[in-house]
Amino acid sequence: MVITKEMGIKDCVQQYPKTAAVFMEFGMGCLGCAAARFENIEQGAIVHGIDVPALIEALNKVVE
């Protein structure tokens, strides 16, 4: 597993640009918002009511 729930949202998208589409599919379309700069993936997912393990699994699939 390359991407973990503790990874920052901004860091994840910068390091793995293909993950942006996954975040959008899961309803996290605010990648450019201020919160995405300091929240980790788990925090952002919880705020949006997203299943964290499912999101992490999908993010890792896209970067395999």
N, C-alpha and C. Protein backbone atom coordinates (compact mmCIF):
# COMPACT_ATOMS: atom_id res chain seq x y z
N MET A 1 0.84 -1.18 0.00
CA MET A 1 0.00 0.00 0.00
C MET A 1 0.88 1.24 0.00
N VAL A 2 0.72 2.05 -1.01
CA VAL A 2 1.52 3.26 -1.18
C VAL A 2 0.86 4.44 -0.48
N ILE A 3 -0.46 4.54 -0.63
CA ILE A 3 -1.20 5.66 -0.07
C ILE A 3 -1.89 5.19 1.21
N THR A 4 -1.75 6.01 2.27
CA THR A 4 -2.38 5.70 3.54
C THR A 4 -3.33 6.83 3.92
N LYS A 5 -4.20 6.56 4.88
CA LYS A 5 -5.17 7.57 5.31
C LYS A 5 -4.50 8.77 5.98
N GLU A 6 -3.28 8.60 6.44
CA GLU A 6 -2.56 9.68 7.10
C GLU A 6 -1.90 10.65 6.12
N MET A 7 -1.83 10.27 4.86
CA MET A 7 -1.18 11.10 3.84
C MET A 7 -2.02 12.35 3.59
N GLY A 8 -1.37 13.47 3.40
CA GLY A 8 -2.07 14.71 3.10
C GLY A 8 -2.73 14.63 1.73
N ILE A 9 -3.90 15.24 1.61
CA ILE A 9 -4.63 15.23 0.34
C ILE A 9 -3.79 15.90 -0.75
N LYS A 10 -3.28 17.08 -0.46
CA LYS A 10 -2.48 17.82 -1.43
C LYS A 10 -1.23 17.02 -1.82
N ASP A 11 -0.57 16.45 -0.83
CA ASP A 11 0.64 15.65 -1.09
C ASP A 11 0.32 14.46 -1.99
N CYS A 12 -0.80 13.82 -1.72
CA CYS A 12 -1.21 12.65 -2.50
C CYS A 12 -1.41 13.03 -3.97
N VAL A 13 -2.15 14.09 -4.21
CA VAL A 13 -2.44 14.50 -5.59
C VAL A 13 -1.19 14.99 -6.30
N GLN A 14 -0.31 15.67 -5.57
CA GLN A 14 0.93 16.14 -6.19
C GLN A 14 1.83 14.98 -6.57
N GLN A 15 1.93 14.01 -5.69
CA GLN A 15 2.80 12.86 -5.93
C GLN A 15 2.19 11.89 -6.93
N TYR A 16 0.88 11.74 -6.90
CA TYR A 16 0.17 10.81 -7.77
C TYR A 16 -1.01 11.53 -8.44
N PRO A 17 -0.76 12.28 -9.51
CA PRO A 17 -1.81 13.09 -10.15
C PRO A 17 -3.06 12.31 -10.56
N LYS A 18 -2.94 11.03 -10.87
CA LYS A 18 -4.11 10.23 -11.26
C LYS A 18 -5.12 10.10 -10.13
N THR A 19 -4.71 10.34 -8.89
CA THR A 19 -5.63 10.21 -7.77
C THR A 19 -6.69 11.31 -7.75
N ALA A 20 -6.45 12.42 -8.42
CA ALA A 20 -7.42 13.52 -8.44
C ALA A 20 -8.77 13.02 -8.92
N ALA A 21 -8.78 12.21 -9.96
CA ALA A 21 -10.04 11.67 -10.49
C ALA A 21 -10.75 10.80 -9.47
N VAL A 22 -10.01 10.04 -8.68
CA VAL A 22 -10.60 9.18 -7.66
C VAL A 22 -11.26 10.03 -6.58
N PHE A 23 -10.55 11.07 -6.13
CA PHE A 23 -11.15 11.97 -5.13
C PHE A 23 -12.46 12.56 -5.65
N MET A 24 -12.47 12.96 -6.92
CA MET A 24 -13.68 13.54 -7.53
C MET A 24 -14.81 12.51 -7.58
N GLU A 25 -14.49 11.28 -7.96
CA GLU A 25 -15.50 10.22 -8.04
C GLU A 25 -16.15 9.95 -6.68
N PHE A 26 -15.37 10.10 -5.63
CA PHE A 26 -15.87 9.85 -4.28
C PHE A 26 -16.57 11.07 -3.68
N GLY A 27 -16.64 12.18 -4.43
CA GLY A 27 -17.33 13.37 -3.95
C GLY A 27 -16.45 14.38 -3.25
N MET A 28 -15.15 14.22 -3.37
CA MET A 28 -14.23 15.19 -2.78
C MET A 28 -13.71 16.09 -3.89
N GLY A 29 -14.59 16.96 -4.38
CA GLY A 29 -14.23 17.84 -5.47
C GLY A 29 -13.56 19.12 -5.04
N CYS A 30 -13.21 19.21 -3.79
CA CYS A 30 -12.64 20.46 -3.26
C CYS A 30 -11.11 20.37 -3.17
N LEU A 31 -10.48 19.74 -4.13
CA LEU A 31 -9.03 19.56 -4.06
C LEU A 31 -8.28 20.88 -4.04
N GLY A 32 -8.88 21.93 -4.54
CA GLY A 32 -8.22 23.23 -4.55
C GLY A 32 -8.55 24.08 -3.34
N CYS A 33 -9.40 23.60 -2.46
CA CYS A 33 -9.79 24.40 -1.31
C CYS A 33 -8.68 24.42 -0.25
N ALA A 34 -8.78 25.36 0.64
CA ALA A 34 -7.76 25.53 1.68
C ALA A 34 -7.62 24.29 2.56
N ALA A 35 -8.72 23.63 2.86
CA ALA A 35 -8.67 22.46 3.74
C ALA A 35 -7.83 21.34 3.14
N ALA A 36 -7.84 21.20 1.82
CA ALA A 36 -7.08 20.14 1.16
C ALA A 36 -5.58 20.33 1.36
N ARG A 37 -5.17 21.52 1.71
CA ARG A 37 -3.75 21.80 1.91
C ARG A 37 -3.23 21.27 3.24
N PHE A 38 -4.12 21.17 4.23
CA PHE A 38 -3.64 20.72 5.55
C PHE A 38 -4.33 19.48 6.09
N GLU A 39 -5.43 19.05 5.48
CA GLU A 39 -6.11 17.84 5.95
C GLU A 39 -5.47 16.60 5.36
N ASN A 40 -5.49 15.53 6.16
CA ASN A 40 -5.06 14.25 5.58
C ASN A 40 -6.28 13.60 4.92
N ILE A 41 -6.05 12.51 4.23
CA ILE A 41 -7.11 11.86 3.47
C ILE A 41 -8.25 11.43 4.38
N GLU A 42 -7.92 10.86 5.52
CA GLU A 42 -8.96 10.41 6.44
C GLU A 42 -9.83 11.57 6.91
N GLN A 43 -9.23 12.67 7.30
CA GLN A 43 -9.99 13.83 7.78
C GLN A 43 -10.94 14.36 6.70
N GLY A 44 -10.42 14.48 5.48
CA GLY A 44 -11.25 14.97 4.38
C GLY A 44 -12.39 14.03 4.06
N ALA A 45 -12.12 12.74 4.09
CA ALA A 45 -13.15 11.75 3.78
C ALA A 45 -14.25 11.77 4.84
N ILE A 46 -13.87 11.86 6.09
CA ILE A 46 -14.85 11.88 7.17
C ILE A 46 -15.78 13.09 7.05
N VAL A 47 -15.21 14.25 6.75
CA VAL A 47 -16.00 15.47 6.59
C VAL A 47 -17.05 15.30 5.49
N HIS A 48 -16.69 14.56 4.45
CA HIS A 48 -17.60 14.36 3.32
C HIS A 48 -18.44 13.09 3.45
N GLY A 49 -18.31 12.38 4.57
CA GLY A 49 -19.10 11.17 4.79
C GLY A 49 -18.71 10.01 3.88
N ILE A 50 -17.42 9.94 3.56
CA ILE A 50 -16.91 8.92 2.63
C ILE A 50 -16.30 7.77 3.41
N ASP A 51 -16.51 6.56 2.92
CA ASP A 51 -15.93 5.34 3.49
C ASP A 51 -14.41 5.40 3.29
N VAL A 52 -13.67 5.61 4.37
CA VAL A 52 -12.21 5.79 4.29
C VAL A 52 -11.51 4.57 3.69
N PRO A 53 -11.76 3.34 4.18
CA PRO A 53 -11.07 2.18 3.59
C PRO A 53 -11.35 2.02 2.09
N ALA A 54 -12.57 2.29 1.67
CA ALA A 54 -12.90 2.17 0.24
C ALA A 54 -12.15 3.21 -0.58
N LEU A 55 -12.04 4.41 -0.06
CA LEU A 55 -11.30 5.47 -0.75
C LEU A 55 -9.83 5.12 -0.86
N ILE A 56 -9.23 4.67 0.23
CA ILE A 56 -7.81 4.31 0.23
C ILE A 56 -7.56 3.17 -0.76
N GLU A 57 -8.45 2.20 -0.79
CA GLU A 57 -8.31 1.07 -1.73
C GLU A 57 -8.36 1.58 -3.17
N ALA A 58 -9.30 2.46 -3.48
CA ALA A 58 -9.42 2.99 -4.84
C ALA A 58 -8.22 3.85 -5.22
N LEU A 59 -7.73 4.62 -4.29
CA LEU A 59 -6.54 5.45 -4.56
C LEU A 59 -5.33 4.58 -4.88
N ASN A 60 -5.16 3.54 -4.10
CA ASN A 60 -4.01 2.64 -4.33
C ASN A 60 -4.12 1.87 -5.64
N LYS A 61 -5.35 1.53 -6.03
CA LYS A 61 -5.53 0.82 -7.30
C LYS A 61 -5.09 1.68 -8.47
N VAL A 62 -5.39 2.98 -8.41
CA VAL A 62 -5.08 3.86 -9.52
C VAL A 62 -3.57 4.13 -9.65
N VAL A 63 -2.83 3.94 -8.57
CA VAL A 63 -1.38 4.21 -8.64
C VAL A 63 -0.56 2.93 -8.79
N GLU A 64 -1.22 1.77 -8.88
CA GLU A 64 -0.47 0.51 -9.03
C GLU A 64 0.25 0.47 -10.36
